[in-house]
Amino acid sequence: MLVLNLSDILVMSDHAKREFPDECCGVIIGSPSDPSRNEVRPCANIQRELKERYPHLYSRDADTGYYMDPKDLKSAFDDASRRGLEVVGFYHSHPNHDAYWSDEDHRASMWAGTDEPSFPDTSHVVISVYDGEVKDIAMFTWRPEVKKFVRENRS
């Protein structure tokens, strides 16, 4: 399970508040064995642009969905690889909704329509933001025995 430092949480929370009322999204690179090496990498949410350009393919707007800018995503993966790190997590916000694992979150995390996640060893952080203020943060990890992402208990 991903261990987050207070600075990681603050970066994600600030990103979520800045992007409100739209969803924010990003990547967490680091070392599974050394949380001090974690880096939160905010990504641009291009959901609105995709919906405007391809409305027949993208029905959600940026306030109810996210699509990470592929350039930002590639940059995070390349930087992690170059520095001997890994992608250890992803995050996004739920504006004016609770921090839960939605059906859309599940669908988006799965590999090409299968029942297996694209990144089974990463954690997913969901940030609840109501009226521009963070109300809750939840972490979800893949549980192969039940074939779903499960909320981790707080420690």
Protein backbone atom coordinates (compact mmCIF):
# COMPACT_ATOMS: atom_id res chain seq x y z
CA MET A 1 0.00 0.00 0.00
CA LEU A 2 1.17 3.50 -0.82
CA VAL A 3 2.34 5.57 2.14
CA LEU A 4 1.72 9.29 1.73
CA ASN A 5 3.68 12.01 3.46
CA LEU A 6 1.95 15.15 4.69
CA SER A 7 3.62 17.11 1.87
CA ASP A 8 2.12 14.66 -0.70
CA ILE A 9 -1.35 15.19 0.77
CA LEU A 10 -0.92 18.97 0.77
CA VAL A 11 0.15 19.05 -2.90
CA MET A 12 -2.85 16.92 -3.95
CA SER A 13 -5.26 18.91 -1.74
CA ASP A 14 -4.01 22.25 -3.09
CA HIS A 15 -4.34 20.94 -6.65
CA ALA A 16 -7.92 19.80 -5.96
CA LYS A 17 -8.87 23.19 -4.47
CA ARG A 18 -7.24 25.12 -7.35
CA GLU A 19 -9.10 23.11 -10.01
CA PHE A 20 -12.49 23.18 -8.24
CA PRO A 21 -15.22 22.97 -9.55
CA ASP A 22 -13.43 20.72 -12.07
CA GLU A 23 -11.74 17.44 -11.23
CA CYS A 24 -8.00 17.47 -10.79
CA CYS A 25 -5.77 14.52 -11.62
CA GLY A 26 -2.18 13.46 -11.29
CA VAL A 27 0.47 10.83 -10.79
CA ILE A 28 2.58 9.88 -7.78
CA ILE A 29 6.07 8.66 -8.57
CA GLY A 30 8.41 7.23 -5.98
CA SER A 31 9.75 4.11 -4.39
CA PRO A 32 7.40 1.55 -2.82
CA SER A 33 9.98 0.91 -0.09
CA ASP A 34 10.87 4.56 0.61
CA PRO A 35 7.94 7.02 0.89
CA SER A 36 10.39 9.90 1.38
CA ARG A 37 11.11 9.65 -2.37
CA ASN A 38 7.46 10.20 -3.37
CA GLU A 39 6.67 13.09 -5.69
CA VAL A 40 3.18 14.20 -6.58
CA ARG A 41 2.99 15.21 -10.23
CA PRO A 42 -0.16 17.22 -11.07
CA CYS A 43 -1.44 16.63 -14.60
CA ALA A 44 -3.73 18.77 -16.72
CA ASN A 45 -7.29 17.50 -17.00
CA ILE A 46 -8.15 17.68 -20.71
CA GLN A 47 -11.64 16.19 -20.32
CA ARG A 48 -13.38 19.43 -21.34
CA GLU A 49 -11.32 19.74 -24.51
CA LEU A 50 -12.01 16.12 -25.43
CA LYS A 51 -15.75 16.56 -24.92
CA GLU A 52 -15.78 19.71 -27.07
CA ARG A 53 -13.75 18.08 -29.83
CA TYR A 54 -15.28 14.58 -29.72
CA PRO A 55 -18.73 14.81 -28.07
CA HIS A 56 -19.76 11.43 -29.49
CA LEU A 57 -16.88 9.77 -27.58
CA TYR A 58 -16.68 11.85 -24.39
CA SER A 59 -19.96 12.61 -22.65
CA ARG A 60 -18.55 13.84 -19.33
CA ASP A 61 -17.31 17.34 -18.69
CA ALA A 62 -14.35 18.24 -16.47
CA ASP A 63 -16.55 18.69 -13.40
CA THR A 64 -17.56 15.01 -13.47
CA GLY A 65 -14.61 13.39 -15.21
CA TYR A 66 -10.94 13.61 -15.94
CA TYR A 67 -8.55 12.59 -18.66
CA MET A 68 -4.89 13.13 -17.88
CA ASP A 69 -3.00 15.04 -20.52
CA PRO A 70 -0.90 12.35 -22.25
CA LYS A 71 2.11 14.71 -22.37
CA ASP A 72 2.01 15.15 -18.58
CA LEU A 73 1.52 11.43 -18.04
CA LYS A 74 4.42 10.52 -20.33
CA SER A 75 6.63 13.09 -18.63
CA ALA A 76 5.91 11.56 -15.21
CA PHE A 77 6.59 8.01 -16.45
CA ASP A 78 9.78 9.08 -18.25
CA ASP A 79 11.05 11.03 -15.23
CA ALA A 80 10.35 8.09 -12.90
CA SER A 81 12.20 5.71 -15.21
CA ARG A 82 15.15 8.05 -15.66
CA ARG A 83 15.53 8.42 -11.88
CA GLY A 84 15.06 4.77 -10.93
CA LEU A 85 11.58 5.40 -9.51
CA GLU A 86 8.18 3.91 -10.27
CA VAL A 87 4.67 5.16 -10.71
CA VAL A 88 3.26 4.22 -7.30
CA GLY A 89 -0.10 5.94 -7.48
CA PHE A 90 -2.64 8.11 -9.21
CA TYR A 91 -5.03 10.68 -7.80
CA HIS A 92 -8.10 12.66 -8.78
CA SER A 93 -10.79 14.70 -7.10
CA HIS A 94 -14.55 14.43 -6.80
CA PRO A 95 -15.95 18.00 -6.77
CA ASN A 96 -19.03 18.25 -4.55
CA HIS A 97 -19.03 14.47 -4.07
CA ASP A 98 -17.63 12.09 -1.49
CA ALA A 99 -14.30 10.30 -1.74
CA TYR A 100 -15.54 6.95 -3.06
CA TRP A 101 -14.53 4.55 -5.82
CA SER A 102 -17.08 5.17 -8.54
CA ASP A 103 -18.15 2.90 -11.37
CA GLU A 104 -16.44 5.36 -13.73
CA ASP A 105 -13.22 5.19 -11.67
CA HIS A 106 -13.33 1.41 -11.91
CA ARG A 107 -13.97 1.41 -15.66
CA ALA A 108 -11.17 3.89 -16.32
CA SER A 109 -8.65 1.94 -14.24
CA MET A 110 -9.16 -1.35 -16.06
CA TRP A 111 -7.04 -2.62 -18.93
CA ALA A 112 -8.82 -2.33 -22.30
CA GLY A 113 -12.24 -3.46 -21.11
CA THR A 114 -10.94 -6.47 -19.16
CA ASP A 115 -11.47 -7.27 -15.51
CA GLU A 116 -7.80 -6.58 -14.72
CA PRO A 117 -6.42 -3.15 -13.79
CA SER A 118 -3.87 -1.40 -15.98
CA PHE A 119 -1.68 -0.76 -12.93
CA PRO A 120 -2.50 -3.39 -10.28
CA ASP A 121 0.37 -2.43 -7.97
CA THR A 122 -0.52 1.26 -7.72
CA SER A 123 -2.85 2.96 -5.29
CA HIS A 124 -5.53 5.46 -6.26
CA VAL A 125 -6.27 8.49 -4.12
CA VAL A 126 -9.67 10.19 -4.36
CA ILE A 127 -10.08 13.67 -2.88
CA SER A 128 -13.54 14.94 -1.92
CA VAL A 129 -13.86 18.71 -2.43
CA TYR A 130 -17.05 20.52 -1.43
CA ASP A 131 -17.34 24.22 -2.24
CA GLY A 132 -13.60 24.47 -2.78
CA GLU A 133 -12.59 22.83 0.52
CA VAL A 134 -11.18 19.32 0.94
CA LYS A 135 -13.56 17.24 3.06
CA ASP A 136 -12.05 13.75 2.77
CA ILE A 137 -9.23 11.82 1.15
CA ALA A 138 -9.47 8.10 0.50
CA MET A 139 -6.99 5.57 -0.88
CA PHE A 140 -8.01 2.52 -2.90
CA THR A 141 -5.88 -0.51 -3.75
CA TRP A 142 -6.54 -3.49 -6.01
CA ARG A 143 -7.63 -6.69 -4.32
CA PRO A 144 -7.28 -9.54 -6.86
CA GLU A 145 -9.22 -11.99 -4.70
CA VAL A 146 -12.38 -9.85 -5.06
CA LYS A 147 -11.44 -8.26 -8.42
CA LYS A 148 -12.01 -4.68 -7.27
CA PHE A 149 -10.40 -1.65 -5.72
CA VAL A 150 -11.00 -1.47 -1.97
CA ARG A 151 -10.75 1.53 0.35
CA GLU A 152 -7.82 1.26 2.72
CA ASN A 153 -8.44 1.87 6.40
CA ARG A 154 -6.79 4.89 7.91
CA SER A 155 -3.94 4.24 10.25
